[in-house]
Amino acid sequence: MTNINELTTSDLADLLENKSVKIIDVRPADAYNGWKLGNESRGGHIKGAKSLPAKWAGYMDWIEVVRHKLIEPENRLVLYGYDTQDSQRVAELFAKAGYPDVSVYNQFIEEWAGNEQLPMEHLERYRQLVHPGWVKTLVDGKIPEDHVGGPVVICHAHYRNRDAYLTGHIPGAIDMDTLALEAPETWDRRTPDELKAALELHGITSDTTVVLYGKYMDPDNDNEFPGSAAGHIGAIRCAFIMIYAGVKDVRILNGGFQSWKDSGYEIHTEEVPKVAVNDFGSHIPSYPELAVDVPEAKTMIQSEDADLVCVRSYPEYIGEVSGYNYIEPKGRIPGAVFASCGSDAYHMENYRNVDHTMREFHETAKIWRDSGIGPEKHLAFYCGTGWRGSEAWLNAWLMGWPRVSLFDGGWYGWSRDPDNPFDTGIPQTY
């Protein structure tokens, strides 16, 4: 066993301002975001820490994740978590990988989280990004942390694919086809009257707590459930539309159904009937400012106080491909800022961890700021039809950025009008 040095609280506090030191949080991503999974008095993580859950140490590409997070051998590393064994195990992995200066800090719960003078951070709206244990408490008929009780609907979202639901879902969850909330002709959100009827049919009022999740499927190997490439992103799309409509408490299961499975919880296959309600209970949309359409998008392009943010792949952005078999025009909206989703129209790997949980929010914020995207402006995220844009919007909304919207029509809505300008090719830089 490698001899790993153990630091005191005073030692670690002295290292916080040292830029060459990397503090690494090996707890679950949900604890890093803010949930108190170890009965700590304060939720969140040590200020400046990187999230690298011990769970990931079992993944074959663990060292690639480490490098992607810019954790270099020349850095001094300090690891902490709930379990000293987890910290030691990950520390030894680093040592074996050629990291010469690795220490552990084992007093996080007892000393750091319990001392208001020591700096901590958390995801601003972490409560809306829930962990499997939180959902399990609901399933068991109990009231979880940060919930006041009342009506709850758990939704397994899918796109025309009930088999994905019927082959395994969270106990008590109903299924929701994304087409209930968006129109297949345009892939935009449905009209207020249609949204009202759909939400009521699914038993949802403005005062219902809705927990949304989906299954992550491999778009390159979609044989088991045709049409299932949407996966968990469909749940995020539904979450955006519900928040826009006026559902006050929308929660997303971090990592989707995969997180539930990884936790070893019970899985059901029988259909859970929907119980309709008589009235949604508030005006739809309650938050119209969350959705931007083509006229406002044009205004935002001309504004010094706003940006359209393109969440597409680079081949789509430069006009090599449209990204979809039903979209013929290729190109990009002139003046939009690029924030790459990942490899193509069906992947969002730039915004996700290896276990499908949401990427460390500090990393996403830094990438955006390096591209000139910041919370001081009104931002409208968009993609091809609204799905990837919804996921990027969710990241910004969870971070508490104050003026974030979705350009719902995206490239599809923009390109349907031949009079709208577009660019192709690699943008020139000056």
Protein backbone atom coordinates (compact mmCIF):
# COMPACT_ATOMS: atom_id res chain seq x y z
CA MET A 1 0.00 0.00 0.00
CA THR A 2 1.28 3.44 -0.92
CA ASN A 3 1.99 5.75 2.00
CA ILE A 4 -0.42 8.66 1.53
CA ASN A 5 0.05 11.73 3.69
CA GLU A 6 -2.94 12.88 5.78
CA LEU A 7 -3.57 16.62 6.15
CA THR A 8 -5.17 18.51 9.02
CA THR A 9 -7.86 21.13 8.57
CA SER A 10 -5.29 23.86 9.19
CA ASP A 11 -2.99 22.35 6.57
CA LEU A 12 -5.74 22.33 3.94
CA ALA A 13 -6.93 25.85 4.75
CA ASP A 14 -3.40 27.10 4.16
CA LEU A 15 -3.32 25.47 0.71
CA LEU A 16 -6.54 26.96 -0.66
CA GLU A 17 -4.91 29.89 -2.44
CA ASN A 18 -2.11 27.80 -3.95
CA LYS A 19 -3.00 27.48 -7.66
CA SER A 20 -0.81 24.40 -8.12
CA VAL A 21 -2.85 22.47 -5.54
CA LYS A 22 -5.86 20.49 -6.82
CA ILE A 23 -8.44 19.65 -4.16
CA ILE A 24 -10.48 16.65 -5.28
CA ASP A 25 -13.90 15.70 -3.93
CA VAL A 26 -14.43 11.93 -4.29
CA ARG A 27 -18.00 11.97 -2.96
CA PRO A 28 -21.00 11.46 -5.28
CA ALA A 29 -21.66 14.34 -7.69
CA ASP A 30 -24.93 15.06 -5.87
CA ALA A 31 -23.06 15.73 -2.62
CA TYR A 32 -20.67 18.00 -4.49
CA ASN A 33 -23.68 19.93 -5.86
CA GLY A 34 -25.15 20.53 -2.41
CA TRP A 35 -27.06 17.54 -1.07
CA LYS A 36 -26.13 16.45 2.46
CA LEU A 37 -25.63 12.76 1.86
CA GLY A 38 -23.36 12.23 4.87
CA ASN A 39 -25.33 14.15 7.52
CA GLU A 40 -22.95 17.09 7.26
CA SER A 41 -24.15 20.39 8.69
CA ARG A 42 -23.45 22.30 5.46
CA GLY A 43 -24.06 21.01 1.96
CA GLY A 44 -21.74 21.55 -0.97
CA HIS A 45 -18.01 21.22 -1.50
CA ILE A 46 -14.78 22.86 -0.39
CA LYS A 47 -14.32 26.02 -2.40
CA GLY A 48 -12.27 25.36 -5.52
CA ALA A 49 -12.52 21.57 -5.32
CA LYS A 50 -12.90 19.39 -8.41
CA SER A 51 -15.54 16.65 -8.54
CA LEU A 52 -14.14 13.16 -9.17
CA PRO A 53 -16.44 10.60 -7.53
CA ALA A 54 -14.83 7.41 -6.24
CA LYS A 55 -17.48 5.54 -8.26
CA TRP A 56 -15.65 6.55 -11.44
CA ALA A 57 -12.47 4.81 -10.33
CA GLY A 58 -13.97 1.57 -11.63
CA TYR A 59 -14.34 2.93 -15.15
CA MET A 60 -11.79 1.87 -17.73
CA ASP A 61 -11.28 5.44 -18.97
CA TRP A 62 -10.80 6.91 -15.47
CA ILE A 63 -7.38 8.40 -16.27
CA GLU A 64 -8.83 10.06 -19.38
CA VAL A 65 -11.44 11.74 -17.20
CA VAL A 66 -8.66 12.91 -14.88
CA ARG A 67 -6.72 14.44 -17.77
CA HIS A 68 -9.86 16.01 -19.18
CA LYS A 69 -10.28 17.79 -15.85
CA LEU A 70 -6.75 19.19 -16.20
CA ILE A 71 -5.49 17.37 -13.13
CA GLU A 72 -1.79 17.07 -13.96
CA PRO A 73 1.07 15.06 -12.36
CA GLU A 74 2.85 18.29 -11.44
CA ASN A 75 -0.11 19.32 -9.28
CA ARG A 76 -0.16 18.66 -5.57
CA LEU A 77 -3.36 16.67 -4.94
CA VAL A 78 -5.54 16.64 -1.84
CA LEU A 79 -8.46 14.20 -1.80
CA TYR A 80 -11.43 14.18 0.56
CA GLY A 81 -14.76 12.39 0.83
CA TYR A 82 -17.18 10.77 3.23
CA ASP A 83 -15.32 7.48 3.49
CA THR A 84 -11.61 7.40 4.29
CA GLN A 85 -11.35 4.16 2.32
CA ASP A 86 -12.69 5.89 -0.81
CA SER A 87 -10.17 8.70 -0.47
CA GLN A 88 -7.32 6.26 0.12
CA ARG A 89 -8.35 4.06 -2.82
CA VAL A 90 -8.49 6.96 -5.28
CA ALA A 91 -5.27 8.43 -3.86
CA GLU A 92 -3.49 5.14 -4.54
CA LEU A 93 -4.82 5.15 -8.11
CA PHE A 94 -3.26 8.56 -8.59
CA ALA A 95 0.01 7.36 -7.10
CA LYS A 96 0.09 4.36 -9.43
CA ALA A 97 -0.65 6.67 -12.38
CA GLY A 98 2.50 8.66 -11.67
CA TYR A 99 1.21 11.48 -9.47
CA PRO A 100 4.00 11.95 -6.91
CA ASP A 101 2.37 14.33 -4.41
CA VAL A 102 -0.96 12.99 -3.16
CA SER A 103 -2.53 13.63 0.26
CA VAL A 104 -5.89 12.95 1.88
CA TYR A 105 -8.04 15.04 4.17
CA ASN A 106 -10.32 12.97 6.40
CA GLN A 107 -12.04 15.61 8.55
CA PHE A 108 -14.51 17.05 6.05
CA ILE A 109 -17.74 16.24 7.92
CA GLU A 110 -16.46 16.75 11.45
CA GLU A 111 -14.42 19.90 10.94
CA TRP A 112 -14.75 21.57 7.54
CA ALA A 113 -18.49 21.33 6.92
CA GLY A 114 -19.15 22.18 10.55
CA ASN A 115 -17.13 25.41 10.55
CA GLU A 116 -18.95 28.40 9.03
CA GLN A 117 -15.63 30.24 8.68
CA LEU A 118 -14.27 27.74 6.15
CA PRO A 119 -15.30 28.40 2.53
CA MET A 120 -17.74 26.11 0.73
CA GLU A 121 -19.74 26.33 -2.49
CA HIS A 122 -22.78 24.61 -3.98
CA LEU A 123 -24.86 24.59 -7.15
CA GLU A 124 -27.37 27.43 -6.73
CA ARG A 125 -30.49 25.38 -7.56
CA TYR A 126 -29.14 21.95 -6.58
CA ARG A 127 -32.50 21.08 -5.01
CA GLN A 128 -34.03 20.81 -8.48
CA LEU A 129 -31.38 18.25 -9.51
CA VAL A 130 -32.21 15.36 -7.21
CA HIS A 131 -30.34 12.16 -6.37
CA PRO A 132 -31.74 8.60 -6.43
CA GLY A 133 -32.04 8.40 -2.65
CA TRP A 134 -34.25 11.50 -2.66
CA VAL A 135 -36.58 9.86 -5.18
CA LYS A 136 -36.52 6.57 -3.25
CA THR A 137 -37.76 8.41 -0.16
CA LEU A 138 -40.72 9.68 -2.20
CA VAL A 139 -41.40 6.19 -3.59
CA ASP A 140 -41.45 4.86 -0.03
CA GLY A 141 -44.17 7.37 0.85
CA LYS A 142 -41.96 9.57 3.00
CA ILE A 143 -41.01 13.24 2.73
CA PRO A 144 -37.41 13.78 1.61
CA GLU A 145 -35.07 16.64 2.44
CA ASP A 146 -36.09 20.04 1.03
CA HIS A 147 -39.65 19.00 0.27
CA VAL A 148 -42.76 20.15 2.08
CA GLY A 149 -44.97 17.26 1.03
CA GLY A 150 -48.06 17.38 -1.13
CA PRO A 151 -48.92 15.87 -4.52
CA VAL A 152 -46.07 14.26 -6.47
CA VAL A 153 -45.92 12.83 -9.98
CA ILE A 154 -42.86 10.87 -11.14
CA CYS A 155 -42.58 10.91 -14.94
CA HIS A 156 -40.59 8.54 -17.12
CA ALA A 157 -40.16 10.59 -20.30
CA HIS A 158 -39.70 9.03 -23.73
CA TYR A 159 -40.24 9.86 -27.38
CA ARG A 160 -42.83 7.51 -28.93
CA ASN A 161 -41.28 4.63 -27.04
CA ARG A 162 -43.42 3.14 -24.28
CA ASP A 163 -41.37 -0.05 -24.44
CA ALA A 164 -38.51 1.83 -22.80
CA TYR A 165 -40.90 2.51 -19.92
CA LEU A 166 -42.55 -0.91 -19.81
CA THR A 167 -39.23 -2.78 -19.74
CA GLY A 168 -38.24 -1.05 -16.51
CA HIS A 169 -39.15 2.11 -14.63
CA ILE A 170 -39.06 3.65 -11.17
CA PRO A 171 -41.90 2.25 -9.02
CA GLY A 172 -44.95 4.49 -9.22
CA ALA A 173 -43.73 6.41 -12.27
CA ILE A 174 -46.12 7.18 -15.10
CA ASP A 175 -44.89 7.51 -18.65
CA MET A 176 -44.94 10.75 -20.64
CA ASP A 177 -44.37 10.93 -24.37
CA THR A 178 -42.52 14.14 -25.17
CA LEU A 179 -45.05 14.69 -27.96
CA ALA A 180 -47.59 15.50 -25.27
CA LEU A 181 -45.76 18.80 -24.75
CA GLU A 182 -44.27 19.58 -28.16
CA ALA A 183 -45.72 19.61 -31.67
CA PRO A 184 -44.15 17.16 -34.17
CA GLU A 185 -44.70 19.58 -37.06
CA THR A 186 -42.24 22.12 -35.62
CA TRP A 187 -40.83 20.45 -32.45
CA ASP A 188 -41.74 23.67 -30.63
CA ARG A 189 -43.67 23.70 -27.36
CA ARG A 190 -47.40 23.24 -27.82
CA THR A 191 -49.97 26.01 -27.44
CA PRO A 192 -51.02 27.05 -23.92
CA ASP A 193 -54.38 25.28 -24.30
CA GLU A 194 -52.69 22.10 -25.48
CA LEU A 195 -50.17 22.23 -22.64
CA LYS A 196 -52.95 22.74 -20.12
CA ALA A 197 -54.83 19.69 -21.39
CA ALA A 198 -51.70 17.53 -21.50
CA LEU A 199 -50.55 18.41 -18.01
CA GLU A 200 -54.01 17.86 -16.56
CA LEU A 201 -54.22 14.47 -18.30
CA HIS A 202 -50.97 13.47 -16.60
CA GLY A 203 -52.24 14.57 -13.18
CA ILE A 204 -50.07 17.68 -12.98
CA THR A 205 -51.10 21.04 -11.55
CA SER A 206 -48.97 24.10 -10.94
CA ASP A 207 -48.58 22.94 -7.32
CA THR A 208 -47.53 19.37 -8.13
CA THR A 209 -43.95 18.31 -7.52
CA VAL A 210 -42.89 16.64 -10.76
CA VAL A 211 -39.82 14.38 -10.87
CA LEU A 212 -38.61 13.74 -14.40
CA TYR A 213 -36.15 11.20 -15.73
CA GLY A 214 -35.51 9.11 -18.83
CA LYS A 215 -33.29 6.27 -20.01
CA TYR A 216 -29.97 6.95 -21.65
CA MET A 217 -29.77 4.96 -24.85
CA ASP A 218 -26.89 4.72 -27.30
CA PRO A 219 -27.96 6.47 -30.52
CA ASP A 220 -25.43 4.29 -32.38
CA ASN A 221 -26.95 1.07 -31.08
CA ASP A 222 -30.68 1.66 -30.98
CA ASN A 223 -31.86 -1.86 -31.75
CA GLU A 224 -33.55 -2.64 -28.45
CA PHE A 225 -35.90 0.33 -28.41
CA PRO A 226 -36.30 2.02 -31.81
CA GLY A 227 -36.56 5.78 -31.45
CA SER A 228 -35.00 5.74 -27.98
CA ALA A 229 -31.98 7.91 -28.75
CA ALA A 230 -33.76 10.79 -27.03
CA GLY A 231 -33.23 9.14 -23.63
CA HIS A 232 -32.93 11.35 -20.58
CA ILE A 233 -32.63 14.54 -22.64
CA GLY A 234 -36.34 14.12 -23.41
CA ALA A 235 -37.02 14.42 -19.68
CA ILE A 236 -35.02 17.66 -19.58
CA ARG A 237 -36.98 18.95 -22.57
CA CYS A 238 -40.22 18.21 -20.71
CA ALA A 239 -38.84 19.88 -17.60
CA PHE A 240 -38.17 23.10 -19.49
CA ILE A 241 -41.69 23.20 -20.92
CA MET A 242 -43.25 22.47 -17.52
CA ILE A 243 -41.27 25.26 -15.84
CA TYR A 244 -42.24 27.61 -18.68
CA ALA A 245 -45.89 26.59 -18.25
CA GLY A 246 -45.86 27.26 -14.52
CA VAL A 247 -45.19 24.04 -12.60
CA LYS A 248 -43.56 25.47 -9.49
CA ASP A 249 -41.50 22.48 -8.36
CA VAL A 250 -39.89 20.53 -11.20
CA ARG A 251 -37.09 18.15 -10.24
CA ILE A 252 -34.77 16.23 -12.55
CA LEU A 253 -33.15 12.97 -11.47
CA ASN A 254 -29.43 13.53 -11.97
CA GLY A 255 -28.18 10.85 -14.34
CA GLY A 256 -31.66 9.63 -15.21
CA PHE A 257 -32.72 6.01 -14.92
CA GLN A 258 -29.06 4.92 -14.99
CA SER A 259 -28.53 6.54 -11.58
CA TRP A 260 -31.53 4.66 -10.19
CA LYS A 261 -30.14 1.37 -11.54
CA ASP A 262 -26.64 2.12 -10.25
CA SER A 263 -28.13 2.60 -6.78
CA GLY A 264 -29.57 -0.92 -6.86
CA TYR A 265 -33.15 0.17 -6.24
CA GLU A 266 -36.21 -1.83 -7.23
CA ILE A 267 -37.43 -1.60 -10.82
CA HIS A 268 -41.02 -2.17 -11.95
CA THR A 269 -42.40 -3.09 -15.37
CA GLU A 270 -46.16 -2.81 -14.96
CA GLU A 271 -47.97 0.25 -16.31
CA VAL A 272 -48.96 2.86 -13.73
CA PRO A 273 -52.24 4.51 -14.75
CA LYS A 274 -52.40 8.28 -15.07
CA VAL A 275 -54.84 10.04 -12.74
CA ALA A 276 -56.10 13.21 -14.40
CA VAL A 277 -56.82 16.45 -12.56
CA ASN A 278 -59.54 18.97 -13.35
CA ASP A 279 -57.52 22.18 -13.53
CA PHE A 280 -53.84 23.07 -13.90
CA GLY A 281 -54.43 25.94 -11.49
CA SER A 282 -52.58 28.87 -13.06
CA HIS A 283 -52.19 30.80 -16.29
CA ILE A 284 -50.06 29.16 -19.00
CA PRO A 285 -47.39 30.25 -19.61
CA SER A 286 -46.56 31.55 -16.17
CA TYR A 287 -42.99 32.30 -17.29
CA PRO A 288 -43.19 33.35 -20.96
CA GLU A 289 -39.78 35.02 -20.75
CA LEU A 290 -38.14 31.58 -20.66
CA ALA A 291 -39.02 30.92 -24.31
CA VAL A 292 -37.74 32.98 -27.24
CA ASP A 293 -39.11 32.75 -30.78
CA VAL A 294 -37.69 33.98 -34.10
CA PRO A 295 -38.67 37.68 -33.80
CA GLU A 296 -37.06 38.06 -30.38
CA ALA A 297 -34.05 36.00 -31.50
CA LYS A 298 -33.45 38.55 -34.25
CA THR A 299 -33.64 41.36 -31.69
CA MET A 300 -31.20 39.58 -29.39
CA ILE A 301 -28.62 39.20 -32.17
CA GLN A 302 -28.54 42.99 -32.54
CA SER A 303 -28.39 43.67 -28.81
CA GLU A 304 -25.20 44.35 -26.84
CA ASP A 305 -26.99 42.98 -23.80
CA ALA A 306 -27.96 39.58 -25.22
CA ASP A 307 -26.57 36.54 -27.00
CA LEU A 308 -27.96 33.59 -28.89
CA VAL A 309 -25.93 30.57 -27.80
CA CYS A 310 -25.58 27.77 -30.35
CA VAL A 311 -25.53 24.36 -28.65
CA ARG A 312 -24.88 22.23 -31.73
CA SER A 313 -21.98 20.13 -32.94
CA TYR A 314 -19.17 21.77 -34.90
CA PRO A 315 -20.12 20.04 -38.20
CA GLU A 316 -23.61 21.52 -37.83
CA TYR A 317 -22.23 24.92 -36.87
CA ILE A 318 -20.03 25.25 -39.98
CA GLY A 319 -22.73 23.86 -42.28
CA GLU A 320 -21.26 20.47 -43.18
CA VAL A 321 -24.46 18.76 -42.01
CA SER A 322 -27.90 19.90 -40.87
CA GLY A 323 -27.84 17.33 -38.08
CA TYR A 324 -31.25 15.84 -38.92
CA ASN A 325 -32.71 13.83 -41.78
CA TYR A 326 -35.80 16.07 -41.84
CA ILE A 327 -33.88 19.38 -41.96
CA GLU A 328 -32.47 20.22 -45.38
CA PRO A 329 -30.81 23.67 -44.88
CA LYS A 330 -27.30 23.66 -43.44
CA GLY A 331 -25.54 26.48 -41.65
CA ARG A 332 -25.72 28.69 -38.59
CA ILE A 333 -27.43 31.84 -37.42
CA PRO A 334 -25.10 34.81 -38.00
CA GLY A 335 -23.95 36.41 -34.77
CA ALA A 336 -24.66 33.42 -32.52
CA VAL A 337 -22.01 32.35 -30.01
CA PHE A 338 -20.87 28.73 -30.29
CA ALA A 339 -21.08 26.40 -27.27
CA SER A 340 -20.52 22.90 -28.64
CA CYS A 341 -22.84 20.12 -27.50
CA GLY A 342 -20.48 17.33 -28.47
CA SER A 343 -19.95 15.09 -31.48
CA ASP A 344 -23.29 15.30 -33.27
CA ALA A 345 -26.98 16.14 -32.99
CA TYR A 346 -27.64 13.14 -30.73
CA HIS A 347 -24.89 13.55 -28.18
CA MET A 348 -24.42 16.03 -25.32
CA GLU A 349 -21.18 14.61 -23.92
CA ASN A 350 -19.71 18.07 -23.34
CA TYR A 351 -22.34 18.63 -20.64
CA ARG A 352 -22.27 15.23 -18.94
CA ASN A 353 -20.05 13.07 -16.78
CA VAL A 354 -19.08 9.50 -17.63
CA ASP A 355 -21.98 8.14 -15.54
CA HIS A 356 -24.47 10.49 -17.29
CA THR A 357 -24.78 12.84 -14.34
CA MET A 358 -24.52 16.55 -15.05
CA ARG A 359 -21.01 17.85 -15.61
CA GLU A 360 -19.33 19.75 -12.79
CA PHE A 361 -20.94 23.17 -13.03
CA HIS A 362 -17.70 25.09 -12.51
CA GLU A 363 -16.30 23.44 -15.64
CA THR A 364 -19.34 24.33 -17.74
CA ALA A 365 -19.27 27.93 -16.51
CA LYS A 366 -15.57 28.26 -17.33
CA ILE A 367 -15.99 26.88 -20.85
CA TRP A 368 -18.84 29.31 -21.46
CA ARG A 369 -16.96 32.28 -20.04
CA ASP A 370 -13.92 31.43 -22.16
CA SER A 371 -16.26 31.69 -25.16
CA GLY A 372 -17.62 35.04 -24.00
CA ILE A 373 -20.84 33.60 -22.57
CA GLY A 374 -21.67 34.99 -19.15
CA PRO A 375 -24.51 35.64 -16.70
CA GLU A 376 -24.40 39.40 -17.21
CA LYS A 377 -26.28 39.06 -20.52
CA HIS A 378 -29.68 37.72 -21.51
CA LEU A 379 -28.86 34.32 -23.04
CA ALA A 380 -31.07 32.25 -25.32
CA PHE A 381 -29.70 28.75 -25.92
CA TYR A 382 -30.66 26.90 -29.08
CA CYS A 383 -29.84 23.79 -31.07
CA GLY A 384 -31.62 22.11 -33.96
CA THR A 385 -35.09 21.75 -32.47
CA GLY A 386 -34.89 22.57 -28.75
CA TRP A 387 -33.71 19.43 -26.98
CA ARG A 388 -29.98 20.06 -26.62
CA GLY A 389 -30.74 23.73 -26.05
CA SER A 390 -32.99 22.72 -23.16
CA GLU A 391 -30.14 20.81 -21.52
CA ALA A 392 -27.75 23.75 -21.86
CA TRP A 393 -30.49 26.06 -20.54
CA LEU A 394 -30.94 23.74 -17.55
CA ASN A 395 -27.23 24.00 -16.71
CA ALA A 396 -27.39 27.81 -16.67
CA TRP A 397 -30.71 27.86 -14.78
CA LEU A 398 -29.40 25.50 -12.11
CA MET A 399 -26.35 27.74 -11.71
CA GLY A 400 -28.73 30.61 -10.96
CA TRP A 401 -27.82 32.72 -13.98
CA PRO A 402 -30.53 35.37 -13.93
CA ARG A 403 -31.63 35.82 -17.58
CA VAL A 404 -31.60 32.52 -19.42
CA SER A 405 -34.06 31.44 -22.08
CA LEU A 406 -34.46 28.84 -24.79
CA PHE A 407 -34.76 29.83 -28.44
CA ASP A 408 -37.34 27.14 -28.93
CA GLY A 409 -37.43 27.02 -32.72
CA GLY A 410 -33.67 26.74 -33.03
CA TRP A 411 -32.06 26.11 -36.39
CA TYR A 412 -35.20 24.33 -37.65
CA GLY A 413 -37.41 27.33 -36.93
CA TRP A 414 -34.87 29.80 -38.28
CA SER A 415 -34.09 27.92 -41.50
CA ARG A 416 -37.73 27.34 -42.47
CA ASP A 417 -37.88 30.97 -43.57
CA PRO A 418 -35.63 31.34 -46.64
CA ASP A 419 -35.41 35.09 -46.01
CA ASN A 420 -33.52 34.56 -42.75
CA PRO A 421 -29.75 34.96 -43.19
CA PHE A 422 -27.31 32.14 -42.45
CA ASP A 423 -23.56 31.52 -42.53
CA THR A 424 -21.48 28.46 -43.42
CA GLY A 425 -17.83 27.59 -43.21
CA ILE A 426 -15.24 28.23 -40.53
CA PRO A 427 -15.84 31.67 -38.94
CA GLN A 428 -13.12 34.23 -39.55
CA THR A 429 -11.31 35.59 -36.51
CA TYR A 430 -9.71 39.01 -36.34
